[in-house]
N, C-alpha and C. Protein backbone atom coordinates (compact mmCIF):
# COMPACT_ATOMS: atom_id res chain seq x y z
N MET A 1 100.90 97.15 107.66
CA MET A 1 100.39 98.08 106.58
C MET A 1 100.44 96.97 105.88
N ALA A 2 100.65 96.02 105.54
CA ALA A 2 100.65 94.63 104.82
C ALA A 2 100.09 94.02 105.27
N SER A 3 100.04 93.33 106.36
CA SER A 3 97.94 92.95 106.23
C SER A 3 96.92 93.17 106.23
N ARG A 4 96.46 94.63 105.78
CA ARG A 4 95.96 95.73 106.36
C ARG A 4 95.50 95.63 104.70
N LEU A 5 96.33 95.35 103.31
CA LEU A 5 96.36 95.66 102.42
C LEU A 5 96.12 94.38 101.58
N ALA A 6 96.75 93.69 102.85
CA ALA A 6 96.52 92.11 101.67
C ALA A 6 93.91 91.61 101.81
N ALA A 7 93.41 92.69 101.55
CA ALA A 7 92.35 92.42 102.37
C ALA A 7 91.86 93.44 100.89
N PHE A 8 92.16 93.65 99.58
CA PHE A 8 92.20 94.98 98.26
C PHE A 8 93.23 94.30 97.51
N ASP A 9 91.94 93.59 96.37
CA ASP A 9 92.01 92.97 94.55
C ASP A 9 92.93 93.76 94.04
N LEU A 10 93.34 95.22 93.93
CA LEU A 10 93.94 95.88 93.96
C LEU A 10 94.46 97.06 94.29
N VAL A 11 95.56 96.54 94.06
CA VAL A 11 95.97 98.99 95.56
C VAL A 11 97.27 100.14 94.00
N ILE A 12 96.27 101.06 94.56
CA ILE A 12 96.62 102.06 93.80
C ILE A 12 96.73 103.18 94.44
N ALA A 13 98.73 103.02 94.30
CA ALA A 13 99.14 104.40 95.61
C ALA A 13 100.29 105.61 94.81
N VAL A 14 100.07 106.28 95.03
CA VAL A 14 101.59 107.33 95.08
C VAL A 14 102.11 107.57 96.01
N ASP A 15 102.48 106.93 96.94
CA ASP A 15 103.43 106.95 98.28
C ASP A 15 104.21 105.03 98.49
N MET A 16 106.01 105.19 98.00
CA MET A 16 106.38 104.45 98.08
C MET A 16 106.28 103.71 99.36
N LEU A 17 106.02 103.79 100.50
CA LEU A 17 105.35 102.92 101.69
C LEU A 17 104.44 101.99 101.27
N VAL A 18 103.74 102.55 100.56
CA VAL A 18 102.07 101.67 100.09
C VAL A 18 103.34 101.01 98.35
N VAL A 19 103.67 101.17 98.10
CA VAL A 19 104.39 100.86 97.01
C VAL A 19 104.62 99.91 97.39
N HIS A 20 105.93 99.65 98.39
CA HIS A 20 106.76 99.04 98.33
C HIS A 20 105.88 97.89 99.72
N SER A 21 104.63 97.66 100.69
CA SER A 21 104.72 96.63 101.43
C SER A 21 103.56 95.86 99.92
N ALA A 22 101.83 96.68 99.32
CA ALA A 22 102.15 95.58 98.26
C ALA A 22 102.79 94.96 97.89
N SER A 23 104.57 95.49 97.09
CA SER A 23 104.84 94.48 96.43
C SER A 23 105.57 93.28 97.06
N ALA A 24 105.94 94.56 98.45
CA ALA A 24 106.62 92.15 99.69
C ALA A 24 105.30 91.11 99.50
N VAL A 25 104.02 91.54 99.43
CA VAL A 25 102.35 90.88 99.47
C VAL A 25 102.11 90.33 98.04
N GLU A 26 102.37 90.77 97.30
CA GLU A 26 102.97 90.95 95.21
C GLU A 26 101.01 90.85 95.26
N LEU A 27 100.92 92.07 95.50
CA LEU A 27 99.38 92.12 95.00
C LEU A 27 99.33 92.90 93.93
N PRO A 28 97.82 93.00 93.08
CA PRO A 28 98.51 93.93 91.87
C PRO A 28 98.86 95.16 92.84
N LEU A 29 98.68 96.27 91.29
CA LEU A 29 99.67 97.83 90.95
C LEU A 29 99.72 98.53 90.62
N TRP A 30 99.32 99.71 91.27
CA TRP A 30 98.76 100.42 89.54
C TRP A 30 100.05 101.28 90.87
N VAL A 31 101.12 101.76 90.14
CA VAL A 31 101.62 103.66 90.89
C VAL A 31 101.63 104.32 90.02
N LEU A 32 100.68 105.57 90.33
CA LEU A 32 100.62 106.49 90.00
C LEU A 32 101.86 107.87 89.66
N ARG A 33 102.39 108.07 89.08
CA ARG A 33 103.75 108.85 89.23
C ARG A 33 103.76 110.69 88.08
N LYS A 34 104.71 111.61 88.74
CA LYS A 34 104.78 112.73 88.08
C LYS A 34 104.23 112.32 86.45
N ALA A 35 104.77 113.72 85.61
CA ALA A 35 105.24 113.15 84.43
C ALA A 35 106.23 113.02 84.65
N GLN A 36 106.83 114.22 85.58
CA GLN A 36 109.10 114.33 85.34
C GLN A 36 108.90 112.97 86.29
N PRO A 37 109.05 111.48 86.54
CA PRO A 37 109.59 110.91 87.53
C PRO A 37 110.39 110.75 87.44
N ASP A 38 110.89 110.36 88.91
CA ASP A 38 112.64 110.48 89.41
C ASP A 38 113.22 108.94 89.32
N TRP A 39 114.47 109.55 89.03
CA TRP A 39 115.69 107.63 88.06
C TRP A 39 114.73 106.25 88.52
N ARG A 40 114.24 106.10 89.64
CA ARG A 40 113.64 105.10 89.99
C ARG A 40 111.85 104.47 89.10
N TRP A 41 111.43 105.88 87.63
CA TRP A 41 110.08 105.58 87.35
C TRP A 41 110.93 105.78 86.24
N SER A 42 112.17 106.60 86.08
CA SER A 42 112.40 106.40 84.40
C SER A 42 112.07 105.86 82.88
N GLY A 43 112.25 104.04 83.47
CA GLY A 43 112.94 102.48 82.55
C GLY A 43 111.41 103.42 81.95
N GLY A 44 110.03 103.39 82.18
CA GLY A 44 109.00 103.16 80.88
C GLY A 44 108.28 102.35 81.69
N ASP A 45 108.21 101.72 81.43
CA ASP A 45 106.19 100.83 82.47
C ASP A 45 107.30 99.45 83.36
N ALA A 46 108.56 99.35 82.57
CA ALA A 46 109.57 97.57 84.06
C ALA A 46 109.65 98.75 85.26
N ASN A 47 109.31 97.60 85.79
CA ASN A 47 110.05 98.30 86.99
C ASN A 47 111.24 97.44 87.77
N LEU A 48 111.90 97.12 87.88
CA LEU A 48 112.68 96.37 88.61
C LEU A 48 112.34 95.43 89.07
N TRP A 49 112.17 96.53 90.76
CA TRP A 49 112.03 96.39 91.69
C TRP A 49 110.45 95.32 92.60
N HIS A 50 109.70 96.35 91.17
CA HIS A 50 108.28 95.98 92.19
C HIS A 50 108.00 95.58 90.21
N HIS A 51 107.77 93.79 90.75
CA HIS A 51 107.48 93.48 88.87
C HIS A 51 105.98 93.03 87.87
N GLN A 52 104.82 93.40 89.73
CA GLN A 52 103.42 93.79 88.52
C GLN A 52 103.20 95.09 88.96
N ALA A 53 103.64 95.76 89.20
CA ALA A 53 102.49 97.44 88.79
C ALA A 53 103.22 97.56 87.83
N ARG A 54 102.18 98.21 87.52
CA ARG A 54 101.65 98.93 86.23
C ARG A 54 102.13 100.25 86.10
N LEU A 55 102.88 100.86 85.71
CA LEU A 55 102.38 102.67 86.31
C LEU A 55 102.53 103.36 85.33
N PHE A 56 101.55 104.88 85.43
CA PHE A 56 100.80 105.80 84.92
C PHE A 56 101.18 107.07 84.86
């Protein structure tokens, strides 16, 4: 999956498999999250695991 994602300039995802894969190859990443996010995304716009991710 990471080799396919490497062809993109930006990855927009809702699925954690895609988020983890894009993060592993350090691609720019937008994560679309629910209005009531689970514990992984409850820290606002900062994320401990995916530093390049922008949360929406």
